[in-house]
PDB file of N, CA and C in Angstrom:
ATOM      1  N   MET A   1      -7.437   1.109  14.732  1.00  0.00           N
ATOM      2  CA  MET A   1      -7.454   1.180  13.276  1.00  0.00           C
ATOM      3  C   MET A   1      -7.228   2.624  12.854  1.00  0.00           C
ATOM      4  N   ARG A   2      -6.505   2.777  11.756  1.00  0.00           N
ATOM      5  CA  ARG A   2      -6.302   4.086  11.138  1.00  0.00           C
ATOM      6  C   ARG A   2      -6.875   4.022   9.729  1.00  0.00           C
ATOM      7  N   SER A   3      -7.485   5.107   9.309  1.00  0.00           N
ATOM      8  CA  SER A   3      -8.138   5.139   8.000  1.00  0.00           C
ATOM      9  C   SER A   3      -7.509   6.196   7.102  1.00  0.00           C
ATOM     10  N   PHE A   4      -7.654   5.975   5.794  1.00  0.00           N
ATOM     11  CA  PHE A   4      -7.175   6.940   4.803  1.00  0.00           C
ATOM     12  C   PHE A   4      -7.970   6.749   3.526  1.00  0.00           C
ATOM     13  N   ASP A   5      -7.964   7.784   2.696  1.00  0.00           N
ATOM     14  CA  ASP A   5      -8.640   7.727   1.401  1.00  0.00           C
ATOM     15  C   ASP A   5      -7.637   7.388   0.316  1.00  0.00           C
ATOM     16  N   GLY A   6      -8.027   6.482  -0.573  1.00  0.00           N
ATOM     17  CA  GLY A   6      -7.192   6.131  -1.708  1.00  0.00           C
ATOM     18  C   GLY A   6      -7.484   7.053  -2.880  1.00  0.00           C
ATOM     19  N   GLU A   7      -6.637   6.996  -3.885  1.00  0.00           N
ATOM     20  CA  GLU A   7      -6.833   7.803  -5.092  1.00  0.00           C
ATOM     21  C   GLU A   7      -8.131   7.455  -5.801  1.00  0.00           C
ATOM     22  N   SER A   8      -8.637   6.249  -5.575  1.00  0.00           N
ATOM     23  CA  SER A   8      -9.888   5.816  -6.201  1.00  0.00           C
ATOM     24  C   SER A   8     -11.109   6.445  -5.523  1.00  0.00           C
ATOM     25  N   GLY A   9     -10.899   7.054  -4.355  1.00  0.00           N
ATOM     26  CA  GLY A   9     -12.002   7.596  -3.577  1.00  0.00           C
ATOM     27  C   GLY A   9     -12.475   6.653  -2.491  1.00  0.00           C
ATOM     28  N   ALA A  10     -11.969   5.421  -2.489  1.00  0.00           N
ATOM     29  CA  ALA A  10     -12.358   4.442  -1.471  1.00  0.00           C
ATOM     30  C   ALA A  10     -11.687   4.775  -0.139  1.00  0.00           C
ATOM     31  N   ARG A  11     -12.342   4.398   0.947  1.00  0.00           N
ATOM     32  CA  ARG A  11     -11.800   4.587   2.294  1.00  0.00           C
ATOM     33  C   ARG A  11     -11.263   3.247   2.783  1.00  0.00           C
ATOM     34  N   TRP A  12      -9.997   3.238   3.186  1.00  0.00           N
ATOM     35  CA  TRP A  12      -9.315   2.031   3.643  1.00  0.00           C
ATOM     36  C   TRP A  12      -8.911   2.203   5.095  1.00  0.00           C
ATOM     37  N   SER A  13      -8.770   1.104   5.808  1.00  0.00           N
ATOM     38  CA  SER A  13      -8.313   1.130   7.198  1.00  0.00           C
ATOM     39  C   SER A  13      -7.221   0.086   7.376  1.00  0.00           C
ATOM     40  N   TYR A  14      -6.320   0.372   8.316  1.00  0.00           N
ATOM     41  CA  TYR A  14      -5.297  -0.623   8.661  1.00  0.00           C
ATOM     42  C   TYR A  14      -5.020  -0.523  10.152  1.00  0.00           C
ATOM     43  N   ASP A  15      -4.513  -1.614  10.688  1.00  0.00           N
ATOM     44  CA  ASP A  15      -4.194  -1.695  12.106  1.00  0.00           C
ATOM     45  C   ASP A  15      -2.676  -1.654  12.267  1.00  0.00           C
ATOM     46  N   PRO A  16      -2.127  -0.544  12.802  1.00  0.00           N
ATOM     47  CA  PRO A  16      -0.664  -0.451  12.935  1.00  0.00           C
ATOM     48  C   PRO A  16      -0.062  -1.481  13.878  1.00  0.00           C
ATOM     49  N   SER A  17      -0.888  -2.164  14.661  1.00  0.00           N
ATOM     50  CA  SER A  17      -0.357  -3.210  15.547  1.00  0.00           C
ATOM     51  C   SER A  17      -0.456  -4.590  14.899  1.00  0.00           C
ATOM     52  N   ALA A  18      -0.988  -4.656  13.668  1.00  0.00           N
ATOM     53  CA  ALA A  18      -1.168  -5.944  12.979  1.00  0.00           C
ATOM     54  C   ALA A  18      -0.192  -6.065  11.811  1.00  0.00           C
ATOM     55  N   GLN A  19       1.102  -6.004  12.122  1.00  0.00           N
ATOM     56  CA  GLN A  19       2.128  -6.103  11.073  1.00  0.00           C
ATOM     57  C   GLN A  19       2.131  -7.497  10.479  1.00  0.00           C
ATOM     58  N   ILE A  20       2.244  -7.556   9.159  1.00  0.00           N
ATOM     59  CA  ILE A  20       2.312  -8.824   8.438  1.00  0.00           C
ATOM     60  C   ILE A  20       3.760  -9.018   7.985  1.00  0.00           C
ATOM     61  N   GLY A  21       4.400 -10.055   8.459  1.00  0.00           N
ATOM     62  CA  GLY A  21       5.768 -10.359   8.039  1.00  0.00           C
ATOM     63  C   GLY A  21       6.793  -9.394   8.609  1.00  0.00           C
ATOM     64  N   ASP A  22       8.007  -9.510   8.084  1.00  0.00           N
ATOM     65  CA  ASP A  22       9.124  -8.672   8.514  1.00  0.00           C
ATOM     66  C   ASP A  22       9.191  -7.404   7.679  1.00  0.00           C
ATOM     67  N   ARG A  23       9.885  -6.418   8.207  1.00  0.00           N
ATOM     68  CA  ARG A  23      10.090  -5.166   7.483  1.00  0.00           C
ATOM     69  C   ARG A  23      10.822  -5.456   6.174  1.00  0.00           C
ATOM     70  N   GLY A  24      10.316  -4.883   5.089  1.00  0.00           N
ATOM     71  CA  GLY A  24      10.949  -5.046   3.783  1.00  0.00           C
ATOM     72  C   GLY A  24      11.844  -3.863   3.474  1.00  0.00           C
ATOM     73  N   GLY A  25      12.387  -3.845   2.284  1.00  0.00           N
ATOM     74  CA  GLY A  25      13.277  -2.774   1.876  1.00  0.00           C
ATOM     75  C   GLY A  25      12.597  -1.429   1.714  1.00  0.00           C
ATOM     76  N   PHE A  26      11.286  -1.432   1.444  1.00  0.00           N
ATOM     77  CA  PHE A  26      10.570  -0.184   1.218  1.00  0.00           C
ATOM     78  C   PHE A  26       9.620   0.183   2.341  1.00  0.00           C
ATOM     79  N   GLY A  27       9.271  -0.712   3.222  1.00  0.00           N
ATOM     80  CA  GLY A  27       8.331  -0.348   4.276  1.00  0.00           C
ATOM     81  C   GLY A  27       7.761  -1.547   4.999  1.00  0.00           C
ATOM     82  N   LEU A  28       6.651  -1.303   5.681  1.00  0.00           N
ATOM     83  CA  LEU A  28       5.976  -2.318   6.481  1.00  0.00           C
ATOM     84  C   LEU A  28       4.607  -2.627   5.890  1.00  0.00           C
ATOM     85  N   VAL A  29       4.127  -3.851   6.116  1.00  0.00           N
ATOM     86  CA  VAL A  29       2.808  -4.264   5.639  1.00  0.00           C
ATOM     87  C   VAL A  29       1.940  -4.590   6.851  1.00  0.00           C
ATOM     88  N   PHE A  30       0.693  -4.094   6.817  1.00  0.00           N
ATOM     89  CA  PHE A  30      -0.242  -4.285   7.927  1.00  0.00           C
ATOM     90  C   PHE A  30      -1.541  -4.890   7.429  1.00  0.00           C
ATOM     91  N   GLY A  31      -2.243  -5.576   8.319  1.00  0.00           N
ATOM     92  CA  GLY A  31      -3.578  -6.063   8.014  1.00  0.00           C
ATOM     93  C   GLY A  31      -4.550  -4.901   8.034  1.00  0.00           C
ATOM     94  N   GLY A  32      -5.515  -4.934   7.116  1.00  0.00           N
ATOM     95  CA  GLY A  32      -6.489  -3.861   7.051  1.00  0.00           C
ATOM     96  C   GLY A  32      -7.795  -4.323   6.456  1.00  0.00           C
ATOM     97  N   THR A  33      -8.688  -3.364   6.249  1.00  0.00           N
ATOM     98  CA  THR A  33      -9.992  -3.655   5.663  1.00  0.00           C
ATOM     99  C   THR A  33     -10.326  -2.622   4.596  1.00  0.00           C
ATOM    100  N   GLY A  34     -11.148  -3.060   3.644  1.00  0.00           N
ATOM    101  CA  GLY A  34     -11.590  -2.192   2.564  1.00  0.00           C
ATOM    102  C   GLY A  34     -12.959  -1.618   2.837  1.00  0.00           C
ATOM    103  N   PRO A  35     -13.468  -0.856   1.887  1.00  0.00           N
ATOM    104  CA  PRO A  35     -14.749  -0.180   2.077  1.00  0.00           C
ATOM    105  C   PRO A  35     -15.930  -1.129   2.258  1.00  0.00           C
ATOM    106  N   THR A  36     -15.819  -2.359   1.781  1.00  0.00           N
ATOM    107  CA  THR A  36     -16.913  -3.326   1.947  1.00  0.00           C
ATOM    108  C   THR A  36     -16.614  -4.331   3.058  1.00  0.00           C
ATOM    109  N   GLY A  37     -15.549  -4.071   3.828  1.00  0.00           N
ATOM    110  CA  GLY A  37     -15.181  -4.959   4.925  1.00  0.00           C
ATOM    111  C   GLY A  37     -14.224  -6.063   4.543  1.00  0.00           C
ATOM    112  N   GLN A  38     -13.835  -6.135   3.255  1.00  0.00           N
ATOM    113  CA  GLN A  38     -12.916  -7.197   2.840  1.00  0.00           C
ATOM    114  C   GLN A  38     -11.536  -6.997   3.475  1.00  0.00           C
ATOM    115  N   GLU A  39     -10.862  -8.101   3.748  1.00  0.00           N
ATOM    116  CA  GLU A  39      -9.519  -8.034   4.302  1.00  0.00           C
ATOM    117  C   GLU A  39      -8.538  -7.644   3.210  1.00  0.00           C
ATOM    118  N   VAL A  40      -7.624  -6.724   3.546  1.00  0.00           N
ATOM    119  CA  VAL A  40      -6.593  -6.281   2.616  1.00  0.00           C
ATOM    120  C   VAL A  40      -5.268  -6.189   3.361  1.00  0.00           C
ATOM    121  N   ALA A  41      -4.213  -6.032   2.593  1.00  0.00           N
ATOM    122  CA  ALA A  41      -2.896  -5.738   3.136  1.00  0.00           C
ATOM    123  C   ALA A  41      -2.562  -4.301   2.728  1.00  0.00           C
ATOM    124  N   VAL A  42      -2.047  -3.538   3.678  1.00  0.00           N
ATOM    125  CA  VAL A  42      -1.692  -2.145   3.417  1.00  0.00           C
ATOM    126  C   VAL A  42      -0.200  -1.978   3.657  1.00  0.00           C
ATOM    127  N   LYS A  43       0.505  -1.626   2.602  1.00  0.00           N
ATOM    128  CA  LYS A  43       1.952  -1.402   2.693  1.00  0.00           C
ATOM    129  C   LYS A  43       2.184   0.088   2.915  1.00  0.00           C
ATOM    130  N   ARG A  44       2.836   0.418   4.028  1.00  0.00           N
ATOM    131  CA  ARG A  44       3.139   1.815   4.356  1.00  0.00           C
ATOM    132  C   ARG A  44       4.601   2.077   4.020  1.00  0.00           C
ATOM    133  N   VAL A  45       4.822   2.949   3.039  1.00  0.00           N
ATOM    134  CA  VAL A  45       6.172   3.290   2.596  1.00  0.00           C
ATOM    135  C   VAL A  45       6.478   4.713   3.050  1.00  0.00           C
ATOM    136  N   PRO A  46       7.354   4.890   4.049  1.00  0.00           N
ATOM    137  CA  PRO A  46       7.666   6.245   4.513  1.00  0.00           C
ATOM    138  C   PRO A  46       8.532   6.985   3.495  1.00  0.00           C
ATOM    139  N   LEU A  47       8.106   8.200   3.166  1.00  0.00           N
ATOM    140  CA  LEU A  47       8.840   9.014   2.205  1.00  0.00           C
ATOM    141  C   LEU A  47       8.885  10.461   2.669  1.00  0.00           C
ATOM    142  N   ARG A  48       9.880  11.156   2.232  1.00  0.00           N
ATOM    143  CA  ARG A  48       9.931  12.605   2.442  1.00  0.00           C
ATOM    144  C   ARG A  48       9.503  13.225   1.118  1.00  0.00           C
ATOM    145  N   TRP A  49       8.269  13.720   1.055  1.00  0.00           N
ATOM    146  CA  TRP A  49       7.658  14.182  -0.188  1.00  0.00           C
ATOM    147  C   TRP A  49       8.308  15.443  -0.737  1.00  0.00           C
ATOM    148  N   ASP A  50       9.035  16.181   0.089  1.00  0.00           N
ATOM    149  CA  ASP A  50       9.626  17.425  -0.381  1.00  0.00           C
ATOM    150  C   ASP A  50      10.999  17.215  -1.018  1.00  0.00           C
ATOM    151  N   VAL A  51      11.483  15.993  -1.068  1.00  0.00           N
ATOM    152  CA  VAL A  51      12.787  15.679  -1.650  1.00  0.00           C
ATOM    153  C   VAL A  51      12.563  14.999  -3.009  1.00  0.00           C
ATOM    154  N   GLU A  52      13.168  15.540  -4.051  1.00  0.00           N
ATOM    155  CA  GLU A  52      12.941  15.045  -5.421  1.00  0.00           C
ATOM    156  C   GLU A  52      13.254  13.551  -5.557  1.00  0.00           C
ATOM    157  N   SER A  53      14.339  13.086  -4.971  1.00  0.00           N
ATOM    158  CA  SER A  53      14.687  11.665  -5.094  1.00  0.00           C
ATOM    159  C   SER A  53      13.628  10.788  -4.427  1.00  0.00           C
ATOM    160  N   GLU A  54      13.037  11.262  -3.344  1.00  0.00           N
ATOM    161  CA  GLU A  54      11.976  10.506  -2.671  1.00  0.00           C
ATOM    162  C   GLU A  54      10.708  10.498  -3.521  1.00  0.00           C
ATOM    163  N   ARG A  55      10.411  11.604  -4.193  1.00  0.00           N
ATOM    164  CA  ARG A  55       9.245  11.643  -5.089  1.00  0.00           C
ATOM    165  C   ARG A  55       9.415  10.645  -6.212  1.00  0.00           C
ATOM    166  N   ARG A  56      10.615  10.571  -6.783  1.00  0.00           N
ATOM    167  CA  ARG A  56      10.886   9.603  -7.860  1.00  0.00           C
ATOM    168  C   ARG A  56      10.758   8.178  -7.332  1.00  0.00           C
ATOM    169  N   ARG A  57      11.259   7.940  -6.114  1.00  0.00           N
ATOM    170  CA  ARG A  57      11.151   6.611  -5.508  1.00  0.00           C
ATOM    171  C   ARG A  57       9.686   6.229  -5.313  1.00  0.00           C
ATOM    172  N   ARG A  58       8.887   7.176  -4.856  1.00  0.00           N
ATOM    173  CA  ARG A  58       7.455   6.928  -4.664  1.00  0.00           C
ATOM    174  C   ARG A  58       6.795   6.574  -5.978  1.00  0.00           C
ATOM    175  N   GLU A  59       7.055   7.366  -7.009  1.00  0.00           N
ATOM    176  CA  GLU A  59       6.452   7.121  -8.313  1.00  0.00           C
ATOM    177  C   GLU A  59       6.898   5.784  -8.880  1.00  0.00           C
ATOM    178  N   ARG A  60       8.143   5.425  -8.660  1.00  0.00           N
ATOM    179  CA  ARG A  60       8.663   4.144  -9.151  1.00  0.00           C
ATOM    180  C   ARG A  60       7.970   2.981  -8.436  1.00  0.00           C
ATOM    181  N   GLU A  61       7.772   3.104  -7.128  1.00  0.00           N
ATOM    182  CA  GLU A  61       7.092   2.057  -6.363  1.00  0.00           C
ATOM    183  C   GLU A  61       5.671   1.845  -6.890  1.00  0.00           C
ATOM    184  N   VAL A  62       4.948   2.934  -7.155  1.00  0.00           N
ATOM    185  CA  VAL A  62       3.584   2.833  -7.682  1.00  0.00           C
ATOM    186  C   VAL A  62       3.613   2.236  -9.089  1.00  0.00           C
ATOM    187  N   GLU A  63       4.555   2.668  -9.909  1.00  0.00           N
ATOM    188  CA  GLU A  63       4.662   2.147 -11.277  1.00  0.00           C
ATOM    189  C   GLU A  63       4.914   0.642 -11.270  1.00  0.00           C
ATOM    190  N   ILE A  64       5.811   0.189 -10.424  1.00  0.00           N
ATOM    191  CA  ILE A  64       6.098  -1.247 -10.324  1.00  0.00           C
ATOM    192  C   ILE A  64       4.845  -2.005  -9.919  1.00  0.00           C
ATOM    193  N   ASP A  65       4.138  -1.501  -8.913  1.00  0.00           N
ATOM    194  CA  ASP A  65       2.927  -2.188  -8.453  1.00  0.00           C
ATOM    195  C   ASP A  65       1.845  -2.198  -9.519  1.00  0.00           C
ATOM    196  N   GLN A  66       1.738  -1.141 -10.301  1.00  0.00           N
ATOM    197  CA  GLN A  66       0.736  -1.113 -11.375  1.00  0.00           C
ATOM    198  C   GLN A  66       1.076  -2.122 -12.468  1.00  0.00           C
ATOM    199  N   VAL A  67       2.347  -2.268 -12.790  1.00  0.00           N
ATOM    200  CA  VAL A  67       2.763  -3.264 -13.781  1.00  0.00           C
ATOM    201  C   VAL A  67       2.495  -4.666 -13.250  1.00  0.00           C
ATOM    202  N   LEU A  68       2.829  -4.896 -11.977  1.00  0.00           N
ATOM    203  CA  LEU A  68       2.594  -6.215 -11.388  1.00  0.00           C
ATOM    204  C   LEU A  68       1.114  -6.553 -11.337  1.00  0.00           C
ATOM    205  N   ALA A  69       0.261  -5.542 -11.226  1.00  0.00           N
ATOM    206  CA  ALA A  69      -1.179  -5.783 -11.162  1.00  0.00           C
ATOM    207  C   ALA A  69      -1.714  -6.382 -12.459  1.00  0.00           C
ATOM    208  N   THR A  70      -0.977  -6.221 -13.565  1.00  0.00           N
ATOM    209  CA  THR A  70      -1.432  -6.738 -14.852  1.00  0.00           C
ATOM    210  C   THR A  70      -0.922  -8.147 -15.126  1.00  0.00           C
ATOM    211  N   THR A  71      -0.085  -8.672 -14.246  1.00  0.00           N
ATOM    212  CA  THR A  71       0.458 -10.006 -14.454  1.00  0.00           C
ATOM    213  C   THR A  71      -0.484 -11.051 -13.869  1.00  0.00           C
ATOM    214  N   SER A  72      -0.405 -12.245 -14.373  1.00  0.00           N
ATOM    215  CA  SER A  72      -1.257 -13.319 -13.865  1.00  0.00           C
ATOM    216  C   SER A  72      -0.468 -14.304 -13.005  1.00  0.00           C
ATOM    217  N   ALA A  73       0.739 -13.932 -12.588  1.00  0.00           N
ATOM    218  CA  ALA A  73       1.536 -14.816 -11.735  1.00  0.00           C
ATOM    219  C   ALA A  73       0.824 -15.021 -10.397  1.00  0.00           C
ATOM    220  N   LYS A  74       0.709 -16.255  -9.968  1.00  0.00           N
ATOM    221  CA  LYS A  74      -0.070 -16.549  -8.768  1.00  0.00           C
ATOM    222  C   LYS A  74       0.597 -16.067  -7.478  1.00  0.00           C
ATOM    223  N   HIS A  75       1.879 -15.736  -7.521  1.00  0.00           N
ATOM    224  CA  HIS A  75       2.584 -15.277  -6.321  1.00  0.00           C
ATOM    225  C   HIS A  75       2.732 -13.764  -6.273  1.00  0.00           C
ATOM    226  N   VAL A  76       2.041 -13.045  -7.146  1.00  0.00           N
ATOM    227  CA  VAL A  76       2.129 -11.584  -7.190  1.00  0.00           C
ATOM    228  C   VAL A  76       0.772 -10.998  -6.813  1.00  0.00           C
ATOM    229  N   MET A  77       0.775 -10.104  -5.838  1.00  0.00           N
ATOM    230  CA  MET A  77      -0.455  -9.428  -5.429  1.00  0.00           C
ATOM    231  C   MET A  77      -0.609  -8.141  -6.223  1.00  0.00           C
ATOM    232  N   GLY A  78      -1.770  -7.960  -6.796  1.00  0.00           N
ATOM    233  CA  GLY A  78      -2.044  -6.752  -7.560  1.00  0.00           C
ATOM    234  C   GLY A  78      -2.345  -5.573  -6.652  1.00  0.00           C
ATOM    235  N   LEU A  79      -2.196  -4.392  -7.170  1.00  0.00           N
ATOM    236  CA  LEU A  79      -2.447  -3.159  -6.432  1.00  0.00           C
ATOM    237  C   LEU A  79      -3.916  -2.784  -6.558  1.00  0.00           C
ATOM    238  N   LEU A  80      -4.600  -2.573  -5.431  1.00  0.00           N
ATOM    239  CA  LEU A  80      -6.004  -2.169  -5.431  1.00  0.00           C
ATOM    240  C   LEU A  80      -6.162  -0.650  -5.429  1.00  0.00           C
ATOM    241  N   ASP A  81      -5.270   0.038  -4.693  1.00  0.00           N
ATOM    242  CA  ASP A  81      -5.393   1.481  -4.566  1.00  0.00           C
ATOM    243  C   ASP A  81      -4.102   2.050  -3.994  1.00  0.00           C
ATOM    244  N   VAL A  82      -3.971   3.360  -4.088  1.00  0.00           N
ATOM    245  CA  VAL A  82      -2.822   4.087  -3.566  1.00  0.00           C
ATOM    246  C   VAL A  82      -3.350   5.286  -2.796  1.00  0.00           C
ATOM    247  N   GLY A  83      -2.741   5.584  -1.661  1.00  0.00           N
ATOM    248  CA  GLY A  83      -3.126   6.759  -0.887  1.00  0.00           C
ATOM    249  C   GLY A  83      -1.916   7.392  -0.240  1.00  0.00           C
ATOM    250  N   ARG A  84      -2.153   8.503   0.440  1.00  0.00           N
ATOM    251  CA  ARG A  84      -1.096   9.201   1.169  1.00  0.00           C
ATOM    252  C   ARG A  84      -1.600   9.531   2.557  1.00  0.00           C
ATOM    253  N   VAL A  85      -0.722   9.341   3.530  1.00  0.00           N
ATOM    254  CA  VAL A  85      -1.003   9.745   4.906  1.00  0.00           C
ATOM    255  C   VAL A  85       0.241  10.469   5.389  1.00  0.00           C
ATOM    256  N   GLY A  86       0.140  11.771   5.527  1.00  0.00           N
ATOM    257  CA  GLY A  86       1.314  12.547   5.906  1.00  0.00           C
ATOM    258  C   GLY A  86       2.408  12.348   4.878  1.00  0.00           C
ATOM    259  N   ASP A  87       3.563  11.907   5.321  1.00  0.00           N
ATOM    260  CA  ASP A  87       4.691  11.641   4.422  1.00  0.00           C
ATOM    261  C   ASP A  87       4.753  10.196   3.967  1.00  0.00           C
ATOM    262  N   ASP A  88       3.711   9.420   4.250  1.00  0.00           N
ATOM    263  CA  ASP A  88       3.729   8.000   3.911  1.00  0.00           C
ATOM    264  C   ASP A  88       2.891   7.700   2.673  1.00  0.00           C
ATOM    265  N   LEU A  89       3.427   6.851   1.817  1.00  0.00           N
ATOM    266  CA  LEU A  89       2.713   6.303   0.672  1.00  0.00           C
ATOM    267  C   LEU A  89       2.039   5.028   1.151  1.00  0.00           C
ATOM    268  N   MET A  90       0.749   4.872   0.849  1.00  0.00           N
ATOM    269  CA  MET A  90      -0.008   3.710   1.290  1.00  0.00           C
ATOM    270  C   MET A  90      -0.413   2.900   0.055  1.00  0.00           C
ATOM    271  N   LEU A  91       0.012   1.658  -0.037  1.00  0.00           N
ATOM    272  CA  LEU A  91      -0.305   0.777  -1.149  1.00  0.00           C
ATOM    273  C   LEU A  91      -1.251  -0.313  -0.639  1.00  0.00           C
ATOM    274  N   VAL A  92      -2.435  -0.401  -1.239  1.00  0.00           N
ATOM    275  CA  VAL A  92      -3.442  -1.365  -0.802  1.00  0.00           C
ATOM    276  C   VAL A  92      -3.458  -2.536  -1.768  1.00  0.00           C
ATOM    277  N   MET A  93      -3.350  -3.743  -1.202  1.00  0.00           N
ATOM    278  CA  MET A  93      -3.313  -4.973  -2.000  1.00  0.00           C
ATOM    279  C   MET A  93      -4.267  -5.993  -1.414  1.00  0.00           C
ATOM    280  N   PRO A  94      -4.687  -6.977  -2.203  1.00  0.00           N
ATOM    281  CA  PRO A  94      -5.503  -8.062  -1.635  1.00  0.00           C
ATOM    282  C   PRO A  94      -4.706  -8.786  -0.559  1.00  0.00           C
ATOM    283  N   ARG A  95      -5.373  -9.350   0.383  1.00  0.00           N
ATOM    284  CA  ARG A  95      -4.735 -10.107   1.449  1.00  0.00           C
ATOM    285  C   ARG A  95      -4.485 -11.529   0.963  1.00  0.00           C
ATOM    286  N   ALA A  96      -3.252 -11.990   1.067  1.00  0.00           N
ATOM    287  CA  ALA A  96      -2.907 -13.350   0.649  1.00  0.00           C
ATOM    288  C   ALA A  96      -3.455 -14.365   1.645  1.00  0.00           C
ATOM    289  N   ASP A  97      -3.738 -15.568   1.151  1.00  0.00           N
ATOM    290  CA  ASP A  97      -4.188 -16.651   2.031  1.00  0.00           C
ATOM    291  C   ASP A  97      -3.036 -17.156   2.866  1.00  0.00           C
TER     292      ASP A  97
END
């Protein structure tokens, strides 16, 4: 398990060997746990933070997830937290059934 702190101050963990699904256009999703032990999904989006276009891409990804978090569509997972690990953006979402 690898751990990181989210912007909320919560500590999250994910297992890099527990990939969920296939690689998407923005990154990989892994099984993880939250601060109270709840199961979560952690999306790791690799970015080069020193490149302006990558910073904009990162901000756009977070903005999209924040907008989706306000929708009540049953097939959309809301964003629980956002963190950074090295050059990677970490998006924490509830784990789907």
